[in-house]
Amino acid sequence: MLKRLHGGMVSCHFGSTGSVLPELVKSLGRIDFMFHDCGHSREDHVSDFNQVSEILSPGALVLFDDIHWEDPRIYAGQAGTYEGWKEVVGHPRVKRAVEIGDDEPEGEAKES
């Protein structure tokens, strides 16, 4: 939908972030918006954010999907998505962070 509405301003890439993201980071200039709906684990959230942090424009928006996601069919034990989210929120590049959803705990915000 975004590609249809905004043409050349949007690109979508499919695949595991371990194989797709390193090449994207090398080929992209600054990015203003990233929607992360990839690996759902603490390690994925932290690693993926760290990889893109240097190419984020000042004021960029990064949206993480499913920060409370735990699926024992995919990860033995705990995926730790929420712990990964909290680590990302603590990154020096993050100025504000907001949790949105009716079934999650009270929203957490970080102000600098």
PDB file of N, CA and C in Angstrom:
ATOM      1  N   MET A   1       0.822  -1.181   0.000  1.00  0.00           N
ATOM      2  CA  MET A   1       0.000   0.000   0.000  1.00  0.00           C
ATOM      3  C   MET A   1       0.875   1.257   0.000  1.00  0.00           C
ATOM      4  N   LEU A   2       1.901   1.292   0.854  1.00  0.00           N
ATOM      5  CA  LEU A   2       2.771   2.468   0.898  1.00  0.00           C
ATOM      6  C   LEU A   2       3.465   2.690  -0.435  1.00  0.00           C
ATOM      7  N   LYS A   3       3.930   1.619  -1.043  1.00  0.00           N
ATOM      8  CA  LYS A   3       4.613   1.715  -2.334  1.00  0.00           C
ATOM      9  C   LYS A   3       3.660   2.291  -3.377  1.00  0.00           C
ATOM     10  N   ARG A   4       2.423   1.838  -3.371  1.00  0.00           N
ATOM     11  CA  ARG A   4       1.430   2.319  -4.329  1.00  0.00           C
ATOM     12  C   ARG A   4       1.155   3.808  -4.105  1.00  0.00           C
ATOM     13  N   LEU A   5       1.071   4.218  -2.859  1.00  0.00           N
ATOM     14  CA  LEU A   5       0.748   5.612  -2.550  1.00  0.00           C
ATOM     15  C   LEU A   5       1.931   6.572  -2.692  1.00  0.00           C
ATOM     16  N   HIS A   6       3.146   6.085  -2.411  1.00  0.00           N
ATOM     17  CA  HIS A   6       4.294   6.980  -2.344  1.00  0.00           C
ATOM     18  C   HIS A   6       5.421   6.625  -3.311  1.00  0.00           C
ATOM     19  N   GLY A   7       5.194   5.677  -4.171  1.00  0.00           N
ATOM     20  CA  GLY A   7       6.144   5.355  -5.246  1.00  0.00           C
ATOM     21  C   GLY A   7       7.573   5.192  -4.807  1.00  0.00           C
ATOM     22  N   GLY A   8       8.450   6.010  -5.397  1.00  0.00           N
ATOM     23  CA  GLY A   8       9.885   5.901  -5.175  1.00  0.00           C
ATOM     24  C   GLY A   8      10.362   6.266  -3.784  1.00  0.00           C
ATOM     25  N   MET A   9       9.477   6.779  -2.944  1.00  0.00           N
ATOM     26  CA  MET A   9       9.877   7.141  -1.578  1.00  0.00           C
ATOM     27  C   MET A   9       9.877   5.938  -0.647  1.00  0.00           C
ATOM     28  N   VAL A  10       9.362   4.799  -1.106  1.00  0.00           N
ATOM     29  CA  VAL A  10       9.192   3.625  -0.253  1.00  0.00           C
ATOM     30  C   VAL A  10       9.849   2.425  -0.913  1.00  0.00           C
ATOM     31  N   SER A  11      10.528   1.630  -0.114  1.00  0.00           N
ATOM     32  CA  SER A  11      11.031   0.346  -0.611  1.00  0.00           C
ATOM     33  C   SER A  11      10.736  -0.718   0.432  1.00  0.00           C
ATOM     34  N   CYS A  12      10.355  -1.871  -0.041  1.00  0.00           N
ATOM     35  CA  CYS A  12      10.065  -3.003   0.845  1.00  0.00           C
ATOM     36  C   CYS A  12      11.046  -4.113   0.521  1.00  0.00           C
ATOM     37  N   HIS A  13      11.568  -4.747   1.548  1.00  0.00           N
ATOM     38  CA  HIS A  13      12.541  -5.818   1.372  1.00  0.00           C
ATOM     39  C   HIS A  13      12.122  -6.990   2.239  1.00  0.00           C
ATOM     40  N   PHE A  14      12.124  -8.154   1.653  1.00  0.00           N
ATOM     41  CA  PHE A  14      11.672  -9.346   2.356  1.00  0.00           C
ATOM     42  C   PHE A  14      12.824 -10.324   2.523  1.00  0.00           C
ATOM     43  N   GLY A  15      12.878 -10.985   3.665  1.00  0.00           N
ATOM     44  CA  GLY A  15      13.915 -11.960   3.962  1.00  0.00           C
ATOM     45  C   GLY A  15      14.354 -11.784   5.402  1.00  0.00           C
ATOM     46  N   SER A  16      15.232 -12.641   5.855  1.00  0.00           N
ATOM     47  CA  SER A  16      15.723 -12.512   7.225  1.00  0.00           C
ATOM     48  C   SER A  16      16.640 -11.297   7.302  1.00  0.00           C
ATOM     49  N   THR A  17      16.584 -10.607   8.407  1.00  0.00           N
ATOM     50  CA  THR A  17      17.406  -9.405   8.537  1.00  0.00           C
ATOM     51  C   THR A  17      18.894  -9.735   8.525  1.00  0.00           C
ATOM     52  N   GLY A  18      19.228 -10.931   8.983  1.00  0.00           N
ATOM     53  CA  GLY A  18      20.636 -11.328   8.960  1.00  0.00           C
ATOM     54  C   GLY A  18      21.215 -11.343   7.561  1.00  0.00           C
ATOM     55  N   SER A  19      20.386 -11.649   6.555  1.00  0.00           N
ATOM     56  CA  SER A  19      20.885 -11.676   5.187  1.00  0.00           C
ATOM     57  C   SER A  19      20.555 -10.410   4.407  1.00  0.00           C
ATOM     58  N   VAL A  20      19.467  -9.739   4.717  1.00  0.00           N
ATOM     59  CA  VAL A  20      19.025  -8.575   3.941  1.00  0.00           C
ATOM     60  C   VAL A  20      19.570  -7.258   4.486  1.00  0.00           C
ATOM     61  N   LEU A  21      19.550  -7.088   5.787  1.00  0.00           N
ATOM     62  CA  LEU A  21      19.859  -5.789   6.389  1.00  0.00           C
ATOM     63  C   LEU A  21      21.289  -5.297   6.160  1.00  0.00           C
ATOM     64  N   PRO A  22      22.307  -6.125   6.273  1.00  0.00           N
ATOM     65  CA  PRO A  22      23.671  -5.594   6.053  1.00  0.00           C
ATOM     66  C   PRO A  22      23.847  -4.965   4.674  1.00  0.00           C
ATOM     67  N   GLU A  23      23.304  -5.579   3.639  1.00  0.00           N
ATOM     68  CA  GLU A  23      23.420  -5.016   2.293  1.00  0.00           C
ATOM     69  C   GLU A  23      22.580  -3.751   2.145  1.00  0.00           C
ATOM     70  N   LEU A  24      21.415  -3.728   2.769  1.00  0.00           N
ATOM     71  CA  LEU A  24      20.578  -2.537   2.709  1.00  0.00           C
ATOM     72  C   LEU A  24      21.273  -1.348   3.356  1.00  0.00           C
ATOM     73  N   VAL A  25      21.864  -1.575   4.505  1.00  0.00           N
ATOM     74  CA  VAL A  25      22.544  -0.488   5.216  1.00  0.00           C
ATOM     75  C   VAL A  25      23.651   0.104   4.346  1.00  0.00           C
ATOM     76  N   LYS A  26      24.353  -0.749   3.603  1.00  0.00           N
ATOM     77  CA  LYS A  26      25.423  -0.263   2.721  1.00  0.00           C
ATOM     78  C   LYS A  26      24.869   0.523   1.533  1.00  0.00           C
ATOM     79  N   SER A  27      23.691   0.128   1.051  1.00  0.00           N
ATOM     80  CA  SER A  27      23.175   0.721  -0.187  1.00  0.00           C
ATOM     81  C   SER A  27      22.261   1.921   0.030  1.00  0.00           C
ATOM     82  N   LEU A  28      21.748   2.097   1.224  1.00  0.00           N
ATOM     83  CA  LEU A  28      20.821   3.190   1.485  1.00  0.00           C
ATOM     84  C   LEU A  28      21.543   4.421   2.003  1.00  0.00           C
ATOM     85  N   GLY A  29      20.973   5.560   1.720  1.00  0.00           N
ATOM     86  CA  GLY A  29      21.416   6.786   2.364  1.00  0.00           C
ATOM     87  C   GLY A  29      20.679   6.879   3.685  1.00  0.00           C
ATOM     88  N   ARG A  30      20.346   8.071   4.069  1.00  0.00           N
ATOM     89  CA  ARG A  30      19.587   8.290   5.297  1.00  0.00           C
ATOM     90  C   ARG A  30      18.164   7.764   5.132  1.00  0.00           C
ATOM     91  N   ILE A  31      17.629   7.185   6.216  1.00  0.00           N
ATOM     92  CA  ILE A  31      16.231   6.757   6.191  1.00  0.00           C
ATOM     93  C   ILE A  31      15.457   7.518   7.262  1.00  0.00           C
ATOM     94  N   ASP A  32      14.216   7.822   6.925  1.00  0.00           N
ATOM     95  CA  ASP A  32      13.350   8.600   7.810  1.00  0.00           C
ATOM     96  C   ASP A  32      12.367   7.720   8.580  1.00  0.00           C
ATOM     97  N   PHE A  33      12.034   6.563   8.016  1.00  0.00           N
ATOM     98  CA  PHE A  33      11.032   5.684   8.634  1.00  0.00           C
ATOM     99  C   PHE A  33      11.396   4.239   8.357  1.00  0.00           C
ATOM    100  N   MET A  34      11.312   3.403   9.395  1.00  0.00           N
ATOM    101  CA  MET A  34      11.519   1.972   9.224  1.00  0.00           C
ATOM    102  C   MET A  34      10.458   1.234  10.028  1.00  0.00           C
ATOM    103  N   PHE A  35       9.806   0.293   9.378  1.00  0.00           N
ATOM    104  CA  PHE A  35       8.847  -0.584  10.043  1.00  0.00           C
ATOM    105  C   PHE A  35       9.517  -1.931  10.215  1.00  0.00           C
ATOM    106  N   HIS A  36       9.733  -2.341  11.454  1.00  0.00           N
ATOM    107  CA  HIS A  36      10.414  -3.598  11.763  1.00  0.00           C
ATOM    108  C   HIS A  36       9.378  -4.659  12.101  1.00  0.00           C
ATOM    109  N   ASP A  37       9.182  -5.587  11.184  1.00  0.00           N
ATOM    110  CA  ASP A  37       8.304  -6.733  11.420  1.00  0.00           C
ATOM    111  C   ASP A  37       9.088  -7.967  11.013  1.00  0.00           C
ATOM    112  N   CYS A  38      10.203  -8.142  11.672  1.00  0.00           N
ATOM    113  CA  CYS A  38      11.153  -9.194  11.304  1.00  0.00           C
ATOM    114  C   CYS A  38      11.286 -10.177  12.447  1.00  0.00           C
ATOM    115  N   GLY A  39      12.493 -10.687  12.643  1.00  0.00           N
ATOM    116  CA  GLY A  39      12.738 -11.619  13.718  1.00  0.00           C
ATOM    117  C   GLY A  39      12.186 -11.091  15.027  1.00  0.00           C
ATOM    118  N   HIS A  40      11.484 -11.907  15.726  1.00  0.00           N
ATOM    119  CA  HIS A  40      10.816 -11.475  16.952  1.00  0.00           C
ATOM    120  C   HIS A  40      11.529 -12.083  18.156  1.00  0.00           C
ATOM    121  N   SER A  41      12.681 -11.516  18.452  1.00  0.00           N
ATOM    122  CA  SER A  41      13.436 -11.921  19.638  1.00  0.00           C
ATOM    123  C   SER A  41      14.212 -10.718  20.147  1.00  0.00           C
ATOM    124  N   ARG A  42      14.694 -10.821  21.345  1.00  0.00           N
ATOM    125  CA  ARG A  42      15.514  -9.759  21.917  1.00  0.00           C
ATOM    126  C   ARG A  42      16.715  -9.491  21.017  1.00  0.00           C
ATOM    127  N   GLU A  43      17.391 -10.544  20.627  1.00  0.00           N
ATOM    128  CA  GLU A  43      18.591 -10.401  19.802  1.00  0.00           C
ATOM    129  C   GLU A  43      18.280  -9.722  18.473  1.00  0.00           C
ATOM    130  N   ASP A  44      17.165 -10.105  17.841  1.00  0.00           N
ATOM    131  CA  ASP A  44      16.794  -9.495  16.561  1.00  0.00           C
ATOM    132  C   ASP A  44      16.520  -8.008  16.707  1.00  0.00           C
ATOM    133  N   HIS A  45      15.729  -7.642  17.712  1.00  0.00           N
ATOM    134  CA  HIS A  45      15.405  -6.222  17.900  1.00  0.00           C
ATOM    135  C   HIS A  45      16.670  -5.396  18.111  1.00  0.00           C
ATOM    136  N   VAL A  46      17.533  -5.847  18.993  1.00  0.00           N
ATOM    137  CA  VAL A  46      18.746  -5.090  19.329  1.00  0.00           C
ATOM    138  C   VAL A  46      19.711  -5.050  18.145  1.00  0.00           C
ATOM    139  N   SER A  47      19.985  -6.180  17.552  1.00  0.00           N
ATOM    140  CA  SER A  47      20.920  -6.241  16.434  1.00  0.00           C
ATOM    141  C   SER A  47      20.432  -5.416  15.247  1.00  0.00           C
ATOM    142  N   ASP A  48      19.165  -5.561  14.909  1.00  0.00           N
ATOM    143  CA  ASP A  48      18.628  -4.833  13.756  1.00  0.00           C
ATOM    144  C   ASP A  48      18.674  -3.324  13.984  1.00  0.00           C
ATOM    145  N   PHE A  49      18.292  -2.886  15.180  1.00  0.00           N
ATOM    146  CA  PHE A  49      18.345  -1.449  15.455  1.00  0.00           C
ATOM    147  C   PHE A  49      19.779  -0.943  15.418  1.00  0.00           C
ATOM    148  N   ASN A  50      20.694  -1.685  16.016  1.00  0.00           N
ATOM    149  CA  ASN A  50      22.096  -1.254  16.012  1.00  0.00           C
ATOM    150  C   ASN A  50      22.634  -1.127  14.586  1.00  0.00           C
ATOM    151  N   GLN A  51      22.214  -2.029  13.697  1.00  0.00           N
ATOM    152  CA  GLN A  51      22.687  -1.968  12.312  1.00  0.00           C
ATOM    153  C   GLN A  51      22.188  -0.727  11.585  1.00  0.00           C
ATOM    154  N   VAL A  52      20.953  -0.311  11.836  1.00  0.00           N
ATOM    155  CA  VAL A  52      20.401   0.837  11.108  1.00  0.00           C
ATOM    156  C   VAL A  52      20.621   2.157  11.827  1.00  0.00           C
ATOM    157  N   SER A  53      21.022   2.139  13.077  1.00  0.00           N
ATOM    158  CA  SER A  53      21.083   3.378  13.860  1.00  0.00           C
ATOM    159  C   SER A  53      21.936   4.454  13.204  1.00  0.00           C
ATOM    160  N   GLU A  54      23.011   4.071  12.545  1.00  0.00           N
ATOM    161  CA  GLU A  54      23.911   5.057  11.945  1.00  0.00           C
ATOM    162  C   GLU A  54      23.338   5.714  10.693  1.00  0.00           C
ATOM    163  N   ILE A  55      22.352   5.078  10.041  1.00  0.00           N
ATOM    164  CA  ILE A  55      21.793   5.676   8.829  1.00  0.00           C
ATOM    165  C   ILE A  55      20.421   6.303   9.068  1.00  0.00           C
ATOM    166  N   LEU A  56      19.981   6.342  10.314  1.00  0.00           N
ATOM    167  CA  LEU A  56      18.719   6.999  10.621  1.00  0.00           C
ATOM    168  C   LEU A  56      18.895   8.508  10.550  1.00  0.00           C
ATOM    169  N   SER A  57      17.983   9.167   9.848  1.00  0.00           N
ATOM    170  CA  SER A  57      17.985  10.625   9.805  1.00  0.00           C
ATOM    171  C   SER A  57      17.669  11.166  11.193  1.00  0.00           C
ATOM    172  N   PRO A  58      18.117  12.367  11.509  1.00  0.00           N
ATOM    173  CA  PRO A  58      17.672  12.982  12.768  1.00  0.00           C
ATOM    174  C   PRO A  58      16.146  13.051  12.760  1.00  0.00           C
ATOM    175  N   GLY A  59      15.523  12.615  13.828  1.00  0.00           N
ATOM    176  CA  GLY A  59      14.065  12.622  13.912  1.00  0.00           C
ATOM    177  C   GLY A  59      13.401  11.439  13.231  1.00  0.00           C
ATOM    178  N   ALA A  60      14.173  10.455  12.786  1.00  0.00           N
ATOM    179  CA  ALA A  60      13.597   9.285  12.110  1.00  0.00           C
ATOM    180  C   ALA A  60      12.636   8.543  13.041  1.00  0.00           C
ATOM    181  N   LEU A  61      11.682   7.876  12.439  1.00  0.00           N
ATOM    182  CA  LEU A  61      10.704   7.079  13.175  1.00  0.00           C
ATOM    183  C   LEU A  61      10.958   5.610  12.874  1.00  0.00           C
ATOM    184  N   VAL A  62      11.101   4.807  13.930  1.00  0.00           N
ATOM    185  CA  VAL A  62      11.263   3.361  13.784  1.00  0.00           C
ATOM    186  C   VAL A  62      10.120   2.712  14.541  1.00  0.00           C
ATOM    187  N   LEU A  63       9.355   1.896  13.848  1.00  0.00           N
ATOM    188  CA  LEU A  63       8.204   1.226  14.425  1.00  0.00           C
ATOM    189  C   LEU A  63       8.510  -0.264  14.542  1.00  0.00           C
ATOM    190  N   PHE A  64       8.485  -0.780  15.766  1.00  0.00           N
ATOM    191  CA  PHE A  64       8.684  -2.206  16.010  1.00  0.00           C
ATOM    192  C   PHE A  64       7.336  -2.859  16.227  1.00  0.00           C
ATOM    193  N   ASP A  65       7.058  -3.897  15.473  1.00  0.00           N
ATOM    194  CA  ASP A  65       5.822  -4.651  15.608  1.00  0.00           C
ATOM    195  C   ASP A  65       6.028  -5.767  16.629  1.00  0.00           C
ATOM    196  N   ASP A  66       4.997  -6.055  17.387  1.00  0.00           N
ATOM    197  CA  ASP A  66       4.961  -7.234  18.267  1.00  0.00           C
ATOM    198  C   ASP A  66       6.039  -7.236  19.352  1.00  0.00           C
ATOM    199  N   ILE A  67       6.144  -6.156  20.115  1.00  0.00           N
ATOM    200  CA  ILE A  67       7.188  -6.105  21.139  1.00  0.00           C
ATOM    201  C   ILE A  67       6.891  -7.003  22.338  1.00  0.00           C
ATOM    202  N   HIS A  68       5.694  -7.559  22.411  1.00  0.00           N
ATOM    203  CA  HIS A  68       5.355  -8.517  23.469  1.00  0.00           C
ATOM    204  C   HIS A  68       5.170  -9.925  22.916  1.00  0.00           C
ATOM    205  N   TRP A  69       5.692 -10.181  21.748  1.00  0.00           N
ATOM    206  CA  TRP A  69       5.480 -11.445  21.054  1.00  0.00           C
ATOM    207  C   TRP A  69       6.324 -12.552  21.674  1.00  0.00           C
ATOM    208  N   GLU A  70       5.674 -13.633  22.000  1.00  0.00           N
ATOM    209  CA  GLU A  70       6.356 -14.846  22.476  1.00  0.00           C
ATOM    210  C   GLU A  70       5.641 -16.023  21.822  1.00  0.00           C
ATOM    211  N   ASP A  71       6.332 -16.820  21.048  1.00  0.00           N
ATOM    212  CA  ASP A  71       5.724 -17.967  20.390  1.00  0.00           C
ATOM    213  C   ASP A  71       6.618 -19.185  20.592  1.00  0.00           C
ATOM    214  N   PRO A  72       6.212 -20.091  21.480  1.00  0.00           N
ATOM    215  CA  PRO A  72       7.054 -21.259  21.761  1.00  0.00           C
ATOM    216  C   PRO A  72       7.225 -22.186  20.560  1.00  0.00           C
ATOM    217  N   ARG A  73       6.379 -22.028  19.531  1.00  0.00           N
ATOM    218  CA  ARG A  73       6.552 -22.842  18.319  1.00  0.00           C
ATOM    219  C   ARG A  73       7.788 -22.401  17.539  1.00  0.00           C
ATOM    220  N   ILE A  74       8.217 -21.159  17.736  1.00  0.00           N
ATOM    221  CA  ILE A  74       9.361 -20.616  17.003  1.00  0.00           C
ATOM    222  C   ILE A  74      10.622 -20.602  17.855  1.00  0.00           C
ATOM    223  N   TYR A  75      10.491 -20.168  19.113  1.00  0.00           N
ATOM    224  CA  TYR A  75      11.639 -20.066  20.016  1.00  0.00           C
ATOM    225  C   TYR A  75      11.437 -20.995  21.201  1.00  0.00           C
ATOM    226  N   ALA A  76      12.401 -21.867  21.432  1.00  0.00           N
ATOM    227  CA  ALA A  76      12.376 -22.673  22.651  1.00  0.00           C
ATOM    228  C   ALA A  76      12.750 -21.734  23.791  1.00  0.00           C
ATOM    229  N   GLY A  77      11.970 -21.732  24.831  1.00  0.00           N
ATOM    230  CA  GLY A  77      12.217 -20.785  25.913  1.00  0.00           C
ATOM    231  C   GLY A  77      11.569 -19.461  25.585  1.00  0.00           C
ATOM    232  N   GLN A  78      12.142 -18.388  26.084  1.00  0.00           N
ATOM    233  CA  GLN A  78      11.570 -17.065  25.859  1.00  0.00           C
ATOM    234  C   GLN A  78      12.303 -16.334  24.747  1.00  0.00           C
ATOM    235  N   ALA A  79      11.530 -15.702  23.866  1.00  0.00           N
ATOM    236  CA  ALA A  79      12.127 -14.904  22.786  1.00  0.00           C
ATOM    237  C   ALA A  79      12.689 -13.601  23.332  1.00  0.00           C
ATOM    238  N   GLY A  80      12.078 -13.068  24.378  1.00  0.00           N
ATOM    239  CA  GLY A  80      12.584 -11.853  25.003  1.00  0.00           C
ATOM    240  C   GLY A  80      12.375 -10.601  24.175  1.00  0.00           C
ATOM    241  N   THR A  81      11.298 -10.567  23.374  1.00  0.00           N
ATOM    242  CA  THR A  81      11.066  -9.393  22.527  1.00  0.00           C
ATOM    243  C   THR A  81      10.953  -8.114  23.350  1.00  0.00           C
ATOM    244  N   TYR A  82      10.272  -8.172  24.479  1.00  0.00           N
ATOM    245  CA  TYR A  82      10.089  -6.964  25.277  1.00  0.00           C
ATOM    246  C   TYR A  82      11.414  -6.494  25.878  1.00  0.00           C
ATOM    247  N   GLU A  83      12.251  -7.425  26.271  1.00  0.00           N
ATOM    248  CA  GLU A  83      13.567  -7.057  26.789  1.00  0.00           C
ATOM    249  C   GLU A  83      14.395  -6.390  25.685  1.00  0.00           C
ATOM    250  N   GLY A  84      14.273  -6.903  24.463  1.00  0.00           N
ATOM    251  CA  GLY A  84      14.958  -6.278  23.331  1.00  0.00           C
ATOM    252  C   GLY A  84      14.450  -4.876  23.073  1.00  0.00           C
ATOM    253  N   TRP A  85      13.125  -4.693  23.157  1.00  0.00           N
ATOM    254  CA  TRP A  85      12.519  -3.371  23.009  1.00  0.00           C
ATOM    255  C   TRP A  85      13.095  -2.410  24.045  1.00  0.00           C
ATOM    256  N   LYS A  86      13.180  -2.863  25.293  1.00  0.00           N
ATOM    257  CA  LYS A  86      13.697  -1.992  26.343  1.00  0.00           C
ATOM    258  C   LYS A  86      15.165  -1.626  26.087  1.00  0.00           C
ATOM    259  N   GLU A  87      15.935  -2.548  25.531  1.00  0.00           N
ATOM    260  CA  GLU A  87      17.332  -2.241  25.190  1.00  0.00           C
ATOM    261  C   GLU A  87      17.402  -1.194  24.088  1.00  0.00           C
ATOM    262  N   VAL A  88      16.544  -1.344  23.081  1.00  0.00           N
ATOM    263  CA  VAL A  88      16.498  -0.363  21.992  1.00  0.00           C
ATOM    264  C   VAL A  88      16.114   1.005  22.544  1.00  0.00           C
ATOM    265  N   VAL A  89      15.138   1.051  23.435  1.00  0.00           N
ATOM    266  CA  VAL A  89      14.701   2.320  24.037  1.00  0.00           C
ATOM    267  C   VAL A  89      15.862   2.996  24.761  1.00  0.00           C
ATOM    268  N   GLY A  90      16.770   2.227  25.311  1.00  0.00           N
ATOM    269  CA  GLY A  90      17.917   2.781  26.021  1.00  0.00           C
ATOM    270  C   GLY A  90      19.060   3.230  25.121  1.00  0.00           C
ATOM    271  N   HIS A  91      18.955   2.996  23.824  1.00  0.00           N
ATOM    272  CA  HIS A  91      20.015   3.384  22.884  1.00  0.00           C
ATOM    273  C   HIS A  91      20.153   4.910  22.847  1.00  0.00           C
ATOM    274  N   PRO A  92      21.373   5.430  22.753  1.00  0.00           N
ATOM    275  CA  PRO A  92      21.575   6.885  22.749  1.00  0.00           C
ATOM    276  C   PRO A  92      20.859   7.627  21.617  1.00  0.00           C
ATOM    277  N   ARG A  93      20.585   6.957  20.495  1.00  0.00           N
ATOM    278  CA  ARG A  93      19.891   7.619  19.381  1.00  0.00           C
ATOM    279  C   ARG A  93      18.399   7.775  19.638  1.00  0.00           C
ATOM    280  N   VAL A  94      17.856   7.050  20.619  1.00  0.00           N
ATOM    281  CA  VAL A  94      16.413   7.090  20.871  1.00  0.00           C
ATOM    282  C   VAL A  94      16.092   8.272  21.781  1.00  0.00           C
ATOM    283  N   LYS A  95      15.255   9.151  21.279  1.00  0.00           N
ATOM    284  CA  LYS A  95      14.849  10.333  22.050  1.00  0.00           C
ATOM    285  C   LYS A  95      13.482  10.131  22.692  1.00  0.00           C
ATOM    286  N   ARG A  96      12.582   9.436  22.006  1.00  0.00           N
ATOM    287  CA  ARG A  96      11.251   9.157  22.543  1.00  0.00           C
ATOM    288  C   ARG A  96      10.851   7.747  22.144  1.00  0.00           C
ATOM    289  N   ALA A  97      10.183   7.058  23.046  1.00  0.00           N
ATOM    290  CA  ALA A  97       9.673   5.720  22.764  1.00  0.00           C
ATOM    291  C   ALA A  97       8.293   5.593  23.383  1.00  0.00           C
ATOM    292  N   VAL A  98       7.385   5.021  22.632  1.00  0.00           N
ATOM    293  CA  VAL A  98       6.009   4.880  23.095  1.00  0.00           C
ATOM    294  C   VAL A  98       5.514   3.488  22.754  1.00  0.00           C
ATOM    295  N   GLU A  99       4.849   2.862  23.723  1.00  0.00           N
ATOM    296  CA  GLU A  99       4.180   1.590  23.476  1.00  0.00           C
ATOM    297  C   GLU A  99       2.709   1.880  23.198  1.00  0.00           C
ATOM    298  N   ILE A 100       2.193   1.243  22.172  1.00  0.00           N
ATOM    299  CA  ILE A 100       0.794   1.441  21.807  1.00  0.00           C
ATOM    300  C   ILE A 100       0.105   0.086  21.776  1.00  0.00           C
ATOM    301  N   GLY A 101      -1.030  -0.014  22.446  1.00  0.00           N
ATOM    302  CA  GLY A 101      -1.806  -1.242  22.414  1.00  0.00           C
ATOM    303  C   GLY A 101      -2.659  -1.380  23.655  1.00  0.00           C
ATOM    304  N   ASP A 102      -3.817  -1.978  23.498  1.00  0.00           N
ATOM    305  CA  ASP A 102      -4.743  -2.128  24.614  1.00  0.00           C
ATOM    306  C   ASP A 102      -4.345  -3.232  25.588  1.00  0.00           C
ATOM    307  N   ASP A 103      -3.629  -4.239  25.096  1.00  0.00           N
ATOM    308  CA  ASP A 103      -3.320  -5.374  25.957  1.00  0.00           C
ATOM    309  C   ASP A 103      -1.922  -5.333  26.554  1.00  0.00           C
ATOM    310  N   GLU A 104      -1.155  -4.280  26.277  1.00  0.00           N
ATOM    311  CA  GLU A 104       0.187  -4.150  26.829  1.00  0.00           C
ATOM    312  C   GLU A 104       0.147  -3.366  28.138  1.00  0.00           C
ATOM    313  N   PRO A 105       1.197  -3.470  28.932  1.00  0.00           N
ATOM    314  CA  PRO A 105       1.298  -2.657  30.151  1.00  0.00           C
ATOM    315  C   PRO A 105       1.292  -1.176  29.798  1.00  0.00           C
ATOM    316  N   GLU A 106       1.164  -0.372  30.808  1.00  0.00           N
ATOM    317  CA  GLU A 106       1.159   1.089  30.631  1.00  0.00           C
ATOM    318  C   GLU A 106       2.322   1.513  29.746  1.00  0.00           C
ATOM    319  N   GLY A 107       2.063   2.423  28.820  1.00  0.00           N
ATOM    320  CA  GLY A 107       3.082   2.898  27.873  1.00  0.00           C
ATOM    321  C   GLY A 107       4.319   3.428  28.578  1.00  0.00           C
ATOM    322  N   GLU A 108       5.444   3.209  27.965  1.00  0.00           N
ATOM    323  CA  GLU A 108       6.716   3.662  28.524  1.00  0.00           C
ATOM    324  C   GLU A 108       7.273   4.722  27.589  1.00  0.00           C
ATOM    325  N   ALA A 109       7.661   5.829  28.114  1.00  0.00           N
ATOM    326  CA  ALA A 109       8.212   6.890  27.298  1.00  0.00           C
ATOM    327  C   ALA A 109       9.589   7.276  27.801  1.00  0.00           C
ATOM    328  N   LYS A 110      10.430   7.643  26.898  1.00  0.00           N
ATOM    329  CA  LYS A 110      11.771   8.116  27.255  1.00  0.00           C
ATOM    330  C   LYS A 110      11.904   9.513  26.686  1.00  0.00           C
ATOM    331  N   GLU A 111      12.221  10.440  27.507  1.00  0.00           N
ATOM    332  CA  GLU A 111      12.420  11.825  27.072  1.00  0.00           C
ATOM    333  C   GLU A 111      13.875  12.190  27.333  1.00  0.00           C
ATOM    334  N   SER A 112      14.424  12.978  26.438  1.00  0.00           N
ATOM    335  CA  SER A 112      15.803  13.434  26.678  1.00  0.00           C
ATOM    336  C   SER A 112      15.828  14.931  26.724  1.00  0.00           C
TER     337      SER A 112
END
